[in-house]
């Protein structure tokens, strides 16, 4: 995306109360820098939060193909959406396949702490392994963990999904 695309995204953001767009990390950071502030959200702080999260989430590492490194090795294993649900929102979504591991409890807590530093009003984390889901919600003054058929450690699975949602009022 070019700088013009960033401004187009900003224009849509300013003209609507509900929108989401999947963008690469550099575009999200540029968008937040350009947005500047929104109530207690400070775009540069949220950009720093995203860089810290990017350091935590593992990169792709696949087996060699016919004796050659897989060209997808080292790529990000998550998607990033910027948007608005009345107020600014960010989604980070990661799909895991057999052999991948969900983020550790320590990594999830670190990401939640980055969000608090960036003054997110709400943070949620959801881990879904096939039909088993664990959800965690955190607000400025409340926290709740809801587990529906908790995933078993080391249990083989076909596909799993992790999702973080960060929202600023």
N, C-alpha and C. Protein backbone atom coordinates (compact mmCIF):
# COMPACT_ATOMS: atom_id res chain seq x y z
N UNK A 1 0.84 -1.18 0.00
CA UNK A 1 0.00 0.00 0.00
C UNK A 1 0.88 1.24 0.00
N UNK A 2 0.47 2.20 -0.75
CA UNK A 2 1.22 3.45 -0.81
C UNK A 2 0.72 4.42 0.25
N UNK A 3 1.41 5.53 0.35
CA UNK A 3 0.97 6.57 1.28
C UNK A 3 -0.44 7.03 0.92
N UNK A 4 -0.75 7.09 -0.38
CA UNK A 4 -2.10 7.47 -0.82
C UNK A 4 -3.12 6.47 -0.29
N UNK A 5 -2.76 5.18 -0.27
CA UNK A 5 -3.67 4.17 0.27
C UNK A 5 -3.88 4.36 1.76
N UNK A 6 -2.82 4.76 2.46
CA UNK A 6 -2.94 5.03 3.90
C UNK A 6 -3.93 6.16 4.13
N UNK A 7 -3.83 7.23 3.32
CA UNK A 7 -4.75 8.34 3.48
C UNK A 7 -6.18 7.96 3.08
N UNK A 8 -6.32 7.08 2.09
CA UNK A 8 -7.65 6.59 1.72
C UNK A 8 -8.26 5.81 2.88
N UNK A 9 -7.44 4.97 3.53
CA UNK A 9 -7.89 4.22 4.69
C UNK A 9 -8.30 5.17 5.82
N UNK A 10 -7.52 6.20 6.03
CA UNK A 10 -7.83 7.19 7.05
C UNK A 10 -9.14 7.90 6.73
N UNK A 11 -9.37 8.22 5.46
CA UNK A 11 -10.60 8.87 5.05
C UNK A 11 -11.82 8.00 5.34
N UNK A 12 -11.71 6.71 5.02
CA UNK A 12 -12.82 5.80 5.31
C UNK A 12 -13.02 5.71 6.82
N UNK A 13 -11.94 5.63 7.57
CA UNK A 13 -12.01 5.56 9.03
C UNK A 13 -12.77 6.76 9.60
N UNK A 14 -12.47 7.94 9.07
CA UNK A 14 -13.09 9.16 9.58
C UNK A 14 -14.55 9.31 9.16
N UNK A 15 -14.93 8.65 8.05
CA UNK A 15 -16.28 8.82 7.52
C UNK A 15 -17.27 7.74 7.92
N UNK A 16 -16.85 6.75 8.67
CA UNK A 16 -17.76 5.67 9.04
C UNK A 16 -17.50 5.25 10.48
N UNK A 17 -18.49 4.64 11.09
CA UNK A 17 -18.34 4.14 12.46
C UNK A 17 -18.00 2.66 12.50
N UNK A 18 -18.17 1.95 11.38
CA UNK A 18 -17.89 0.50 11.34
C UNK A 18 -17.11 0.17 10.08
N UNK A 19 -15.87 -0.27 10.25
CA UNK A 19 -15.06 -0.70 9.11
C UNK A 19 -13.88 -1.49 9.62
N UNK A 20 -13.39 -2.40 8.78
CA UNK A 20 -12.15 -3.12 9.08
C UNK A 20 -11.44 -3.38 7.77
N UNK A 21 -10.11 -3.29 7.80
CA UNK A 21 -9.30 -3.55 6.62
C UNK A 21 -8.06 -4.32 7.03
N UNK A 22 -7.78 -5.40 6.32
CA UNK A 22 -6.56 -6.15 6.57
C UNK A 22 -5.40 -5.44 5.88
N UNK A 23 -4.37 -5.15 6.65
CA UNK A 23 -3.22 -4.40 6.11
C UNK A 23 -1.93 -5.01 6.64
N UNK A 24 -0.82 -4.82 5.91
CA UNK A 24 0.48 -5.26 6.44
C UNK A 24 0.91 -4.37 7.62
N UNK A 25 1.79 -4.90 8.44
CA UNK A 25 2.25 -4.18 9.63
C UNK A 25 2.75 -2.77 9.31
N UNK A 26 3.60 -2.56 8.31
CA UNK A 26 4.07 -1.19 8.06
C UNK A 26 2.93 -0.21 7.72
N UNK A 27 1.92 -0.69 7.03
CA UNK A 27 0.78 0.17 6.69
C UNK A 27 -0.01 0.49 7.95
N UNK A 28 -0.20 -0.50 8.83
CA UNK A 28 -0.91 -0.25 10.09
C UNK A 28 -0.18 0.81 10.91
N UNK A 29 1.13 0.70 10.98
CA UNK A 29 1.92 1.66 11.76
C UNK A 29 1.82 3.06 11.13
N UNK A 30 1.90 3.15 9.82
CA UNK A 30 1.76 4.45 9.14
C UNK A 30 0.36 5.03 9.35
N UNK A 31 -0.65 4.17 9.26
CA UNK A 31 -2.04 4.61 9.50
C UNK A 31 -2.18 5.18 10.91
N UNK A 32 -1.65 4.46 11.91
CA UNK A 32 -1.75 4.92 13.30
C UNK A 32 -0.98 6.22 13.52
N UNK A 33 0.20 6.33 12.90
CA UNK A 33 0.99 7.56 13.01
C UNK A 33 0.22 8.73 12.42
N UNK A 34 -0.42 8.49 11.27
CA UNK A 34 -1.18 9.54 10.61
C UNK A 34 -2.43 9.89 11.40
N UNK A 35 -3.07 8.88 11.98
CA UNK A 35 -4.27 9.10 12.80
C UNK A 35 -3.92 10.00 13.99
N UNK A 36 -2.74 9.81 14.54
CA UNK A 36 -2.29 10.63 15.66
C UNK A 36 -2.92 10.19 16.96
N UNK A 37 -4.04 10.78 17.31
CA UNK A 37 -4.69 10.46 18.55
C UNK A 37 -6.19 10.33 18.38
N UNK A 38 -6.79 9.64 19.32
CA UNK A 38 -8.25 9.47 19.35
C UNK A 38 -8.58 9.20 20.81
N UNK A 39 -9.17 10.16 21.50
CA UNK A 39 -9.37 10.08 22.94
C UNK A 39 -8.03 9.72 23.59
N UNK A 40 -7.93 8.57 24.28
CA UNK A 40 -6.67 8.22 24.94
C UNK A 40 -5.72 7.42 24.05
N UNK A 41 -6.16 7.04 22.86
CA UNK A 41 -5.28 6.33 21.93
C UNK A 41 -4.26 7.31 21.37
N UNK A 42 -3.00 6.91 21.45
CA UNK A 42 -1.91 7.68 20.83
C UNK A 42 -1.31 6.76 19.77
N UNK A 43 -1.45 7.14 18.51
CA UNK A 43 -1.07 6.29 17.39
C UNK A 43 0.34 5.74 17.49
N UNK A 44 1.30 6.58 17.89
CA UNK A 44 2.69 6.11 17.97
C UNK A 44 2.86 5.04 19.05
N UNK A 45 2.12 5.16 20.17
CA UNK A 45 2.18 4.16 21.23
C UNK A 45 1.60 2.82 20.75
N UNK A 46 0.52 2.88 20.00
CA UNK A 46 -0.09 1.66 19.48
C UNK A 46 0.83 1.03 18.43
N UNK A 47 1.49 1.86 17.63
CA UNK A 47 2.47 1.34 16.68
C UNK A 47 3.59 0.60 17.39
N UNK A 48 4.07 1.16 18.51
CA UNK A 48 5.11 0.49 19.30
C UNK A 48 4.58 -0.82 19.87
N UNK A 49 3.32 -0.83 20.31
CA UNK A 49 2.70 -2.06 20.80
C UNK A 49 2.73 -3.13 19.71
N UNK A 50 2.37 -2.75 18.48
CA UNK A 50 2.36 -3.71 17.38
C UNK A 50 3.75 -4.25 17.09
N UNK A 51 4.77 -3.41 17.18
CA UNK A 51 6.14 -3.88 16.96
C UNK A 51 6.56 -4.88 18.05
N UNK A 52 6.16 -4.61 19.29
CA UNK A 52 6.48 -5.55 20.38
C UNK A 52 5.76 -6.88 20.17
N UNK A 53 4.49 -6.82 19.77
CA UNK A 53 3.73 -8.05 19.51
C UNK A 53 4.36 -8.81 18.35
N UNK A 54 4.80 -8.09 17.34
CA UNK A 54 5.43 -8.73 16.18
C UNK A 54 6.68 -9.50 16.59
N UNK A 55 7.39 -9.01 17.60
CA UNK A 55 8.59 -9.71 18.08
C UNK A 55 8.23 -11.00 18.82
N UNK A 56 7.03 -11.06 19.41
CA UNK A 56 6.61 -12.22 20.19
C UNK A 56 6.08 -13.34 19.29
N UNK A 57 5.27 -12.99 18.31
CA UNK A 57 4.61 -14.03 17.50
C UNK A 57 5.64 -14.68 16.58
N UNK A 58 5.77 -16.01 16.66
CA UNK A 58 6.79 -16.68 15.85
C UNK A 58 6.55 -16.55 14.36
N UNK A 59 7.63 -16.56 13.61
CA UNK A 59 7.57 -16.52 12.15
C UNK A 59 7.39 -17.94 11.61
N UNK A 60 6.99 -18.02 10.37
CA UNK A 60 6.78 -19.32 9.72
C UNK A 60 8.09 -20.09 9.61
N UNK A 61 8.02 -21.37 9.87
CA UNK A 61 9.18 -22.24 9.71
C UNK A 61 8.66 -23.59 9.22
N UNK A 62 8.83 -23.83 7.94
CA UNK A 62 8.36 -25.06 7.31
C UNK A 62 9.55 -25.93 6.93
N UNK A 63 9.25 -27.19 6.69
CA UNK A 63 10.28 -28.14 6.26
C UNK A 63 10.78 -27.76 4.87
N UNK A 64 11.99 -28.19 4.56
CA UNK A 64 12.56 -27.95 3.23
C UNK A 64 11.71 -28.64 2.16
N UNK A 65 11.72 -28.07 0.98
CA UNK A 65 10.99 -28.63 -0.15
C UNK A 65 12.02 -29.09 -1.18
N UNK A 66 12.09 -30.38 -1.41
CA UNK A 66 13.06 -30.95 -2.37
C UNK A 66 14.49 -30.47 -2.09
N UNK A 67 14.83 -30.40 -0.81
CA UNK A 67 16.18 -30.00 -0.43
C UNK A 67 16.42 -28.50 -0.41
N UNK A 68 15.40 -27.71 -0.67
CA UNK A 68 15.53 -26.25 -0.67
C UNK A 68 14.68 -25.66 0.45
N UNK A 69 15.14 -24.56 1.04
CA UNK A 69 14.33 -23.92 2.08
C UNK A 69 12.97 -23.49 1.53
N UNK A 70 11.95 -23.64 2.35
CA UNK A 70 10.61 -23.20 1.95
C UNK A 70 10.61 -21.69 1.82
N UNK A 71 10.11 -21.13 0.71
CA UNK A 71 10.13 -19.67 0.52
C UNK A 71 9.25 -18.91 1.52
N UNK A 72 8.37 -19.62 2.23
CA UNK A 72 7.52 -18.95 3.22
C UNK A 72 8.17 -18.83 4.59
N UNK A 73 9.32 -19.47 4.76
CA UNK A 73 10.01 -19.37 6.04
C UNK A 73 10.33 -17.91 6.36
N UNK A 74 10.13 -17.55 7.61
CA UNK A 74 10.43 -16.19 8.05
C UNK A 74 9.30 -15.19 7.87
N UNK A 75 8.23 -15.59 7.18
CA UNK A 75 7.11 -14.67 7.00
C UNK A 75 6.25 -14.62 8.25
N UNK A 76 5.51 -13.55 8.41
CA UNK A 76 4.61 -13.41 9.55
C UNK A 76 3.52 -14.48 9.48
N UNK A 77 3.13 -14.97 10.65
CA UNK A 77 2.12 -16.02 10.72
C UNK A 77 0.77 -15.47 11.18
N UNK A 78 0.59 -14.18 11.06
CA UNK A 78 -0.67 -13.58 11.50
C UNK A 78 -1.12 -12.53 10.50
N UNK A 79 -2.41 -12.20 10.59
CA UNK A 79 -2.95 -11.09 9.82
C UNK A 79 -3.29 -9.97 10.80
N UNK A 80 -3.34 -8.78 10.29
CA UNK A 80 -3.60 -7.60 11.10
C UNK A 80 -4.71 -6.79 10.43
N UNK A 81 -5.73 -6.45 11.21
CA UNK A 81 -6.81 -5.61 10.70
C UNK A 81 -6.90 -4.35 11.54
N UNK A 82 -7.00 -3.22 10.88
CA UNK A 82 -7.28 -1.95 11.56
C UNK A 82 -8.72 -1.60 11.23
N UNK A 83 -9.36 -0.91 12.13
CA UNK A 83 -10.74 -0.57 11.83
C UNK A 83 -11.38 0.29 12.89
N UNK A 84 -12.69 0.25 12.81
CA UNK A 84 -13.48 1.06 13.71
C UNK A 84 -14.74 0.30 14.06
N UNK A 85 -15.02 0.19 15.32
CA UNK A 85 -16.28 -0.34 15.84
C UNK A 85 -16.81 0.75 16.77
N UNK A 86 -17.24 1.85 16.16
CA UNK A 86 -17.57 3.05 16.90
C UNK A 86 -16.29 3.81 17.20
N UNK A 87 -15.33 3.15 17.80
CA UNK A 87 -14.01 3.69 18.12
C UNK A 87 -12.95 2.79 17.50
N UNK A 88 -11.68 3.18 17.56
CA UNK A 88 -10.63 2.38 16.91
C UNK A 88 -10.53 0.95 17.45
N UNK A 89 -10.25 0.02 16.54
CA UNK A 89 -10.11 -1.39 16.90
C UNK A 89 -8.98 -2.00 16.07
N UNK A 90 -8.29 -2.96 16.64
CA UNK A 90 -7.26 -3.73 15.93
C UNK A 90 -7.53 -5.21 16.19
N UNK A 91 -7.35 -6.02 15.17
CA UNK A 91 -7.45 -7.46 15.30
C UNK A 91 -6.13 -8.07 14.83
N UNK A 92 -5.64 -9.04 15.59
CA UNK A 92 -4.51 -9.85 15.17
C UNK A 92 -5.01 -11.29 15.17
N UNK A 93 -4.93 -11.93 14.02
CA UNK A 93 -5.46 -13.28 13.86
C UNK A 93 -4.35 -14.20 13.36
N UNK A 94 -4.21 -15.33 14.02
CA UNK A 94 -3.16 -16.28 13.68
C UNK A 94 -3.76 -17.67 13.53
N UNK A 95 -3.52 -18.31 12.40
CA UNK A 95 -3.98 -19.67 12.18
C UNK A 95 -2.82 -20.62 12.41
N UNK A 96 -3.07 -21.68 13.16
CA UNK A 96 -2.05 -22.68 13.46
C UNK A 96 -2.43 -23.98 12.80
N UNK A 97 -1.44 -24.73 12.41
CA UNK A 97 -1.65 -26.03 11.79
C UNK A 97 -0.91 -27.08 12.62
N UNK A 98 -1.15 -28.33 12.34
CA UNK A 98 -0.49 -29.40 13.09
C UNK A 98 1.01 -29.12 13.16
N UNK A 99 1.54 -29.22 14.37
CA UNK A 99 2.96 -28.94 14.58
C UNK A 99 3.21 -27.55 15.13
N UNK A 100 2.28 -26.62 14.93
CA UNK A 100 2.40 -25.28 15.50
C UNK A 100 1.91 -25.32 16.94
N UNK A 101 2.37 -24.38 17.74
CA UNK A 101 1.92 -24.27 19.12
C UNK A 101 1.24 -22.93 19.32
N UNK A 102 0.16 -22.92 20.11
CA UNK A 102 -0.42 -21.62 20.48
C UNK A 102 0.60 -20.82 21.28
N UNK A 103 0.38 -19.53 21.38
CA UNK A 103 1.26 -18.70 22.20
C UNK A 103 1.22 -19.17 23.64
N UNK A 104 2.32 -19.03 24.34
CA UNK A 104 2.37 -19.42 25.75
C UNK A 104 1.56 -18.44 26.59
N UNK A 105 1.21 -18.86 27.78
CA UNK A 105 0.49 -17.99 28.71
C UNK A 105 1.30 -16.72 28.97
N UNK A 106 2.61 -16.86 29.10
CA UNK A 106 3.48 -15.70 29.31
C UNK A 106 3.44 -14.73 28.14
N UNK A 107 3.42 -15.25 26.91
CA UNK A 107 3.33 -14.38 25.74
C UNK A 107 1.99 -13.67 25.68
N UNK A 108 0.90 -14.38 25.98
CA UNK A 108 -0.42 -13.75 25.98
C UNK A 108 -0.47 -12.65 27.02
N UNK A 109 0.07 -12.91 28.21
CA UNK A 109 0.08 -11.89 29.26
C UNK A 109 0.94 -10.69 28.86
N UNK A 110 2.06 -10.93 28.19
CA UNK A 110 2.91 -9.82 27.73
C UNK A 110 2.16 -8.96 26.72
N UNK A 111 1.44 -9.59 25.79
CA UNK A 111 0.66 -8.84 24.80
C UNK A 111 -0.43 -8.03 25.49
N UNK A 112 -1.09 -8.62 26.49
CA UNK A 112 -2.10 -7.88 27.25
C UNK A 112 -1.48 -6.69 27.97
N UNK A 113 -0.27 -6.85 28.48
CA UNK A 113 0.42 -5.75 29.15
C UNK A 113 0.78 -4.64 28.17
N UNK A 114 1.25 -5.00 26.96
CA UNK A 114 1.52 -3.98 25.94
C UNK A 114 0.26 -3.18 25.65
N UNK A 115 -0.89 -3.87 25.59
CA UNK A 115 -2.16 -3.19 25.31
C UNK A 115 -2.53 -2.22 26.43
N UNK A 116 -2.24 -2.60 27.68
CA UNK A 116 -2.52 -1.69 28.80
C UNK A 116 -1.65 -0.44 28.70
N UNK A 117 -0.38 -0.63 28.35
CA UNK A 117 0.53 0.51 28.20
C UNK A 117 0.03 1.42 27.07
N UNK A 118 -0.53 0.82 26.01
CA UNK A 118 -1.07 1.60 24.88
C UNK A 118 -2.49 2.09 25.16
N UNK A 119 -2.95 1.91 26.40
CA UNK A 119 -4.22 2.44 26.89
C UNK A 119 -5.45 1.87 26.18
N UNK A 120 -5.39 0.59 25.79
CA UNK A 120 -6.57 -0.05 25.21
C UNK A 120 -7.63 -0.18 26.30
N UNK A 121 -8.87 0.14 25.96
CA UNK A 121 -9.96 0.01 26.91
C UNK A 121 -10.42 -1.44 27.05
N UNK A 122 -10.31 -2.19 25.98
CA UNK A 122 -10.68 -3.61 26.01
C UNK A 122 -9.64 -4.42 25.25
N UNK A 123 -9.33 -5.59 25.79
CA UNK A 123 -8.45 -6.54 25.14
C UNK A 123 -9.11 -7.90 25.27
N UNK A 124 -9.20 -8.62 24.17
CA UNK A 124 -9.69 -9.99 24.27
C UNK A 124 -8.74 -10.90 23.53
N UNK A 125 -8.67 -12.13 24.01
CA UNK A 125 -7.84 -13.16 23.40
C UNK A 125 -8.73 -14.39 23.28
N UNK A 126 -8.72 -14.99 22.12
CA UNK A 126 -9.52 -16.19 21.91
C UNK A 126 -8.64 -17.24 21.24
N UNK A 127 -8.66 -18.43 21.80
CA UNK A 127 -7.96 -19.58 21.22
C UNK A 127 -9.01 -20.61 20.88
N UNK A 128 -9.10 -20.97 19.62
CA UNK A 128 -10.05 -21.99 19.19
C UNK A 128 -9.29 -23.12 18.53
N UNK A 129 -9.40 -24.30 19.09
CA UNK A 129 -8.80 -25.49 18.50
C UNK A 129 -9.95 -26.40 18.12
N UNK A 130 -10.14 -26.54 16.81
CA UNK A 130 -11.28 -27.21 16.23
C UNK A 130 -12.54 -26.66 16.88
N UNK A 131 -13.30 -27.42 17.64
CA UNK A 131 -14.54 -26.88 18.22
C UNK A 131 -14.40 -26.52 19.69
N UNK A 132 -13.19 -26.47 20.18
CA UNK A 132 -12.96 -26.13 21.58
C UNK A 132 -12.42 -24.71 21.66
N UNK A 133 -13.04 -23.91 22.51
CA UNK A 133 -12.69 -22.49 22.55
C UNK A 133 -12.38 -22.04 23.97
N UNK A 134 -11.35 -21.22 24.07
CA UNK A 134 -11.06 -20.53 25.33
C UNK A 134 -11.03 -19.05 25.02
N UNK A 135 -11.79 -18.27 25.79
CA UNK A 135 -11.85 -16.83 25.57
C UNK A 135 -11.41 -16.12 26.84
N UNK A 136 -10.79 -14.98 26.65
CA UNK A 136 -10.34 -14.17 27.77
C UNK A 136 -10.63 -12.72 27.43
N UNK A 137 -11.30 -12.02 28.32
CA UNK A 137 -11.66 -10.62 28.10
C UNK A 137 -11.06 -9.77 29.21
N UNK A 138 -10.51 -8.65 28.85
CA UNK A 138 -9.95 -7.73 29.83
C UNK A 138 -10.37 -6.32 29.49
N UNK A 139 -10.87 -5.63 30.47
CA UNK A 139 -11.20 -4.22 30.33
C UNK A 139 -10.38 -3.45 31.35
N UNK A 140 -10.53 -2.17 31.34
CA UNK A 140 -9.75 -1.37 32.29
C UNK A 140 -10.04 -1.74 33.73
N UNK A 141 -11.29 -2.11 34.02
CA UNK A 141 -11.65 -2.38 35.40
C UNK A 141 -12.23 -3.77 35.61
N UNK A 142 -12.07 -4.66 34.66
CA UNK A 142 -12.63 -6.01 34.82
C UNK A 142 -11.84 -7.00 34.00
N UNK A 143 -11.99 -8.25 34.36
CA UNK A 143 -11.32 -9.33 33.65
C UNK A 143 -12.18 -10.58 33.78
N UNK A 144 -12.24 -11.37 32.75
CA UNK A 144 -13.06 -12.57 32.77
C UNK A 144 -12.41 -13.61 31.85
N UNK A 145 -12.39 -14.83 32.30
CA UNK A 145 -11.93 -15.94 31.46
C UNK A 145 -13.09 -16.91 31.32
N UNK A 146 -13.43 -17.24 30.11
CA UNK A 146 -14.51 -18.19 29.83
C UNK A 146 -13.88 -19.35 29.06
N UNK A 147 -14.05 -20.55 29.57
CA UNK A 147 -13.51 -21.72 28.88
C UNK A 147 -14.65 -22.63 28.50
N UNK A 148 -14.70 -22.99 27.24
CA UNK A 148 -15.68 -23.94 26.73
C UNK A 148 -14.87 -25.12 26.21
N UNK A 149 -14.95 -26.26 26.87
CA UNK A 149 -14.16 -27.44 26.49
C UNK A 149 -12.69 -27.04 26.29
N UNK A 150 -11.95 -26.82 27.37
CA UNK A 150 -10.57 -26.32 27.23
C UNK A 150 -9.72 -27.24 26.37
N UNK A 151 -8.86 -26.66 25.53
CA UNK A 151 -7.95 -27.46 24.71
C UNK A 151 -6.96 -28.21 25.60
N UNK A 152 -6.65 -29.43 25.24
CA UNK A 152 -5.71 -30.24 26.00
C UNK A 152 -4.30 -30.02 25.45
N UNK A 153 -3.33 -29.75 26.32
CA UNK A 153 -1.96 -29.56 25.85
C UNK A 153 -1.46 -30.79 25.09
N UNK A 154 -0.79 -30.56 23.98
CA UNK A 154 -0.22 -31.63 23.18
C UNK A 154 -1.22 -32.42 22.36
N UNK A 155 -2.49 -32.02 22.40
CA UNK A 155 -3.51 -32.73 21.65
C UNK A 155 -3.35 -32.41 20.16
N UNK A 156 -3.29 -33.44 19.29
CA UNK A 156 -3.16 -33.15 17.86
C UNK A 156 -4.41 -32.45 17.33
N UNK A 157 -4.21 -31.56 16.39
CA UNK A 157 -5.34 -30.84 15.81
C UNK A 157 -5.05 -30.55 14.35
N UNK A 158 -6.11 -30.31 13.62
CA UNK A 158 -5.95 -29.99 12.19
C UNK A 158 -5.67 -28.50 12.01
N UNK A 159 -6.55 -27.66 12.53
CA UNK A 159 -6.39 -26.22 12.39
C UNK A 159 -6.84 -25.56 13.69
N UNK A 160 -6.13 -24.55 14.09
CA UNK A 160 -6.50 -23.77 15.26
C UNK A 160 -6.39 -22.30 14.91
N UNK A 161 -7.03 -21.46 15.73
CA UNK A 161 -7.01 -20.03 15.49
C UNK A 161 -6.81 -19.31 16.81
N UNK A 162 -5.94 -18.31 16.78
CA UNK A 162 -5.78 -17.40 17.91
C UNK A 162 -6.16 -16.02 17.42
N UNK A 163 -6.85 -15.27 18.28
CA UNK A 163 -7.23 -13.92 17.87
C UNK A 163 -7.16 -12.98 19.06
N UNK A 164 -6.53 -11.84 18.82
CA UNK A 164 -6.53 -10.74 19.79
C UNK A 164 -7.39 -9.62 19.22
N UNK A 165 -8.13 -8.97 20.09
CA UNK A 165 -8.90 -7.78 19.71
C UNK A 165 -8.55 -6.68 20.71
N UNK A 166 -8.17 -5.51 20.19
CA UNK A 166 -7.83 -4.35 21.00
C UNK A 166 -8.77 -3.22 20.61
N UNK A 167 -9.42 -2.60 21.59
CA UNK A 167 -10.40 -1.56 21.31
C UNK A 167 -10.17 -0.36 22.22
N UNK A 168 -10.24 0.81 21.64
CA UNK A 168 -10.09 2.07 22.37
C UNK A 168 -11.38 2.85 22.29
N UNK A 169 -11.89 3.32 23.43
CA UNK A 169 -13.11 4.12 23.44
C UNK A 169 -12.78 5.59 23.26
